[in-house]
Protein backbone atom coordinates (compact mmCIF):
# COMPACT_ATOMS: atom_id res chain seq x y z
CA UNK A 1 -2.49 138.68 -3.80
CA UNK A 2 -3.91 141.99 -2.93
CA UNK A 3 -5.75 143.38 0.05
CA UNK A 4 -8.96 143.08 -1.70
CA UNK A 5 -8.49 139.31 -2.74
CA UNK A 6 -7.10 138.44 0.67
CA UNK A 7 -9.90 139.41 2.14
CA UNK A 8 -12.22 137.77 -0.35
CA UNK A 9 -10.48 134.80 0.51
CA UNK A 10 -11.10 135.26 4.34
CA UNK A 11 -14.78 135.87 3.64
CA UNK A 12 -14.93 132.46 1.58
CA UNK A 13 -13.09 130.74 4.19
CA UNK A 14 -15.51 132.07 6.95
CA UNK A 15 -18.63 131.13 5.07
CA UNK A 16 -17.08 127.76 4.66
CA UNK A 17 -16.64 127.38 8.27
CA UNK A 18 -20.04 128.66 8.87
CA UNK A 19 -21.35 125.66 6.68
CA UNK A 20 -21.72 127.18 3.24
CA UNK A 21 -20.87 124.51 0.63
CA UNK A 22 -21.13 126.88 -2.08
CA UNK A 23 -18.15 128.81 -0.52
CA UNK A 24 -16.14 125.65 -1.19
CA UNK A 25 -16.99 125.56 -5.07
CA UNK A 26 -15.49 129.45 -5.01
CA UNK A 27 -12.46 128.53 -2.88
CA UNK A 28 -10.22 126.45 -5.06
CA UNK A 29 -10.12 129.01 -7.89
CA UNK A 30 -9.01 131.42 -5.02
CA UNK A 31 -6.55 129.34 -3.54
CA UNK A 32 -5.08 127.06 -6.19
CA UNK A 33 -2.09 129.24 -7.33
CA UNK A 34 -0.85 129.39 -3.35
CA UNK A 35 -1.70 125.89 -2.99
CA UNK A 36 0.41 125.14 -6.15
CA UNK A 37 3.31 127.72 -4.80
CA UNK A 38 3.43 125.74 -1.53
CA UNK A 39 3.47 122.29 -3.28
CA UNK A 40 6.10 123.55 -5.48
CA UNK A 41 8.30 124.75 -2.82
CA UNK A 42 7.57 121.00 -1.03
CA UNK A 43 8.59 119.16 -4.33
CA UNK A 44 11.95 121.21 -4.94
CA UNK A 45 12.96 119.88 -1.80
CA UNK A 46 12.60 116.35 -3.02
CA UNK A 47 14.46 113.79 -5.27
CA UNK A 48 14.50 115.11 -8.82
CA UNK A 49 12.66 111.72 -9.72
CA UNK A 50 10.35 111.67 -7.02
CA UNK A 51 6.98 109.97 -8.80
CA UNK A 52 4.52 112.45 -6.97
CA UNK A 53 3.97 115.28 -8.85
CA UNK A 54 3.00 118.95 -7.54
CA UNK A 55 -0.44 119.07 -8.95
CA UNK A 56 -0.88 115.80 -7.41
CA UNK A 57 -0.10 116.92 -4.03
CA UNK A 58 -2.31 120.02 -4.27
CA UNK A 59 -5.15 117.84 -5.19
CA UNK A 60 -4.62 115.33 -2.63
CA UNK A 61 -4.18 118.14 0.08
CA UNK A 62 -7.21 120.28 -1.06
CA UNK A 63 -9.38 116.84 -1.26
CA UNK A 64 -8.18 116.32 2.98
CA UNK A 65 -8.67 119.94 3.47
CA UNK A 66 -12.27 120.01 2.29
CA UNK A 67 -13.02 116.61 3.62
CA UNK A 68 -12.14 118.37 7.37
CA UNK A 69 -15.33 119.56 8.41
CA UNK A 70 -14.24 120.28 11.58
CA UNK A 71 -12.03 123.19 10.92
CA UNK A 72 -12.68 126.60 11.52
CA UNK A 73 -10.82 128.91 9.41
CA UNK A 74 -10.15 132.18 11.06
CA UNK A 75 -8.13 134.04 8.07
CA UNK A 76 -6.11 133.00 4.56
CA UNK A 77 -2.79 132.68 6.49
CA UNK A 78 -4.51 130.17 9.06
CA UNK A 79 -5.68 128.05 6.05
CA UNK A 80 -2.45 128.28 4.14
CA UNK A 81 -0.52 127.21 7.66
CA UNK A 82 -3.23 123.98 7.67
CA UNK A 83 -2.30 123.74 3.86
CA UNK A 84 1.69 123.33 4.47
CA UNK A 85 0.70 121.05 7.44
CA UNK A 86 -1.43 118.92 5.33
CA UNK A 87 0.99 118.89 2.46
CA UNK A 88 3.88 117.70 4.68
CA UNK A 89 1.90 115.18 6.26
CA UNK A 90 1.38 113.61 2.83
CA UNK A 91 4.49 113.88 1.72
CA UNK A 92 5.46 112.06 5.19
CA UNK A 93 3.37 109.23 4.54
CA UNK A 94 4.65 108.71 1.12
CA UNK A 95 8.07 108.81 2.07
CA UNK A 96 7.23 106.33 4.89
CA UNK A 97 5.42 103.97 2.32
CA UNK A 98 8.37 104.29 -0.14
CA UNK A 99 10.72 103.75 2.66
CA UNK A 100 9.19 100.56 3.92
CA UNK A 101 8.67 99.12 0.41
CA UNK A 102 12.50 99.70 -0.28
CA UNK A 103 13.45 99.04 3.23
CA UNK A 104 15.33 102.66 3.38
CA UNK A 105 15.84 102.74 -0.40
CA UNK A 106 17.20 105.81 -1.49
CA UNK A 107 16.55 107.95 1.88
CA UNK A 108 19.46 109.77 3.12
CA UNK A 109 19.93 111.52 6.37
CA UNK A 110 20.05 115.06 6.61
CA UNK A 111 23.55 116.41 7.80
CA UNK A 112 24.44 119.84 9.62
CA UNK A 113 26.65 120.33 6.72
CA UNK A 114 23.99 120.15 4.26
CA UNK A 115 23.22 123.83 4.32
CA UNK A 116 22.55 124.49 7.95
CA UNK A 117 20.01 121.37 8.25
CA UNK A 118 16.90 123.66 6.67
CA UNK A 119 17.74 124.72 3.44
CA UNK A 120 16.23 124.06 -0.38
CA UNK A 121 18.63 121.06 -0.33
CA UNK A 122 16.88 118.07 -2.40
CA UNK A 123 16.71 114.60 -1.18
CA UNK A 124 15.81 115.52 2.29
CA UNK A 125 14.83 112.43 4.44
CA UNK A 126 11.21 113.66 5.43
CA UNK A 127 11.01 110.98 7.66
CA UNK A 128 13.85 111.99 9.72
CA UNK A 129 12.94 115.41 9.78
CA UNK A 130 9.09 114.61 10.79
CA UNK A 131 10.44 112.72 13.65
CA UNK A 132 13.11 115.69 14.83
CA UNK A 133 9.81 118.28 14.18
CA UNK A 134 7.64 115.98 16.36
CA UNK A 135 10.20 116.00 18.81
CA UNK A 136 10.67 119.53 18.80
CA UNK A 137 6.85 119.70 18.98
CA UNK A 138 6.78 117.94 22.19
CA UNK A 139 9.27 120.35 23.51
CA UNK A 140 7.96 123.53 21.99
CA UNK A 141 4.77 123.23 19.79
CA UNK A 142 5.16 126.80 18.52
CA UNK A 143 8.57 126.57 17.49
CA UNK A 144 7.66 123.59 15.23
CA UNK A 145 4.82 125.34 14.03
CA UNK A 146 6.86 128.04 12.89
CA UNK A 147 9.32 125.48 11.27
CA UNK A 148 6.36 123.94 9.46
CA UNK A 149 4.88 127.15 8.10
CA UNK A 150 7.92 128.69 6.99
CA UNK A 151 10.17 125.69 5.92
CA UNK A 152 7.46 123.76 4.40
CA UNK A 153 4.72 126.17 3.83
CA UNK A 154 6.94 129.28 2.43
CA UNK A 155 4.68 131.28 4.59
CA UNK A 156 6.30 134.83 5.70
CA UNK A 157 7.27 135.89 9.02
CA UNK A 158 4.38 138.52 9.15
CA UNK A 159 1.70 135.63 7.97
CA UNK A 160 3.25 133.28 10.41
CA UNK A 161 3.22 135.80 13.18
CA UNK A 162 -0.47 136.38 12.36
CA UNK A 163 -1.35 132.92 12.50
CA UNK A 164 0.53 132.31 15.87
CA UNK A 165 -0.81 135.54 17.40
CA UNK A 166 2.98 136.39 18.43
CA UNK A 167 5.14 139.45 17.05
CA UNK A 168 7.59 138.86 13.90
CA UNK A 169 10.37 139.26 16.20
CA UNK A 170 8.93 136.41 18.11
CA UNK A 171 8.68 134.34 14.95
CA UNK A 172 12.18 135.02 13.76
CA UNK A 173 13.60 134.02 17.41
CA UNK A 174 11.43 130.61 17.19
CA UNK A 175 12.88 130.18 13.63
CA UNK A 176 16.67 130.61 14.81
CA UNK A 177 15.96 128.43 18.05
CA UNK A 178 14.09 125.64 16.08
CA UNK A 179 16.85 125.68 13.22
CA UNK A 180 19.40 125.38 15.75
CA UNK A 181 17.39 122.54 17.55
CA UNK A 182 16.79 120.44 14.57
CA UNK A 183 20.26 120.48 13.41
CA UNK A 184 21.03 119.01 16.68
CA UNK A 185 18.71 116.49 16.38
CA UNK A 186 19.66 115.51 12.98
CA UNK A 187 22.90 115.54 13.57
CA UNK A 188 22.49 112.91 16.47
CA UNK A 189 20.66 110.41 14.50
């Protein structure tokens, strides 16, 4: 995305935050490719036989984002960070409903050996990871948000730093700590 496109997107988001409903109509074409990339990243982490498709995840996330009238968008990085959070919640809700239907079904615990906990492995137990991330958030909210934006949203270190208003070095430090903390949590489950 060029600097002009990024600024145009930020302007649309701010117009939407200010109540301009026409900005919402212009927004989907401007963000669809990036939302699809984030959703594809999420779906790559899922089982190969997952019934939820990337486009369905994008559509559901977009509907939830548009319905969130209380949101004040600061910029594109903030929008995509919240998008990643919404997609995570959709997939966790879906995994919970599937898990309760199958009483565990094919859910599998994430182990430390499986690519240091946070990798591109498929079949990650999103419910277990979500629970561990909630525990991390109770300990340190920012570190949990770094994981969410980087692992789930695919945001760059610089984009995360922009959203959190910290330095890129702080993001890297938080990421390193959070990975180790989550690995320990998941290993102890």
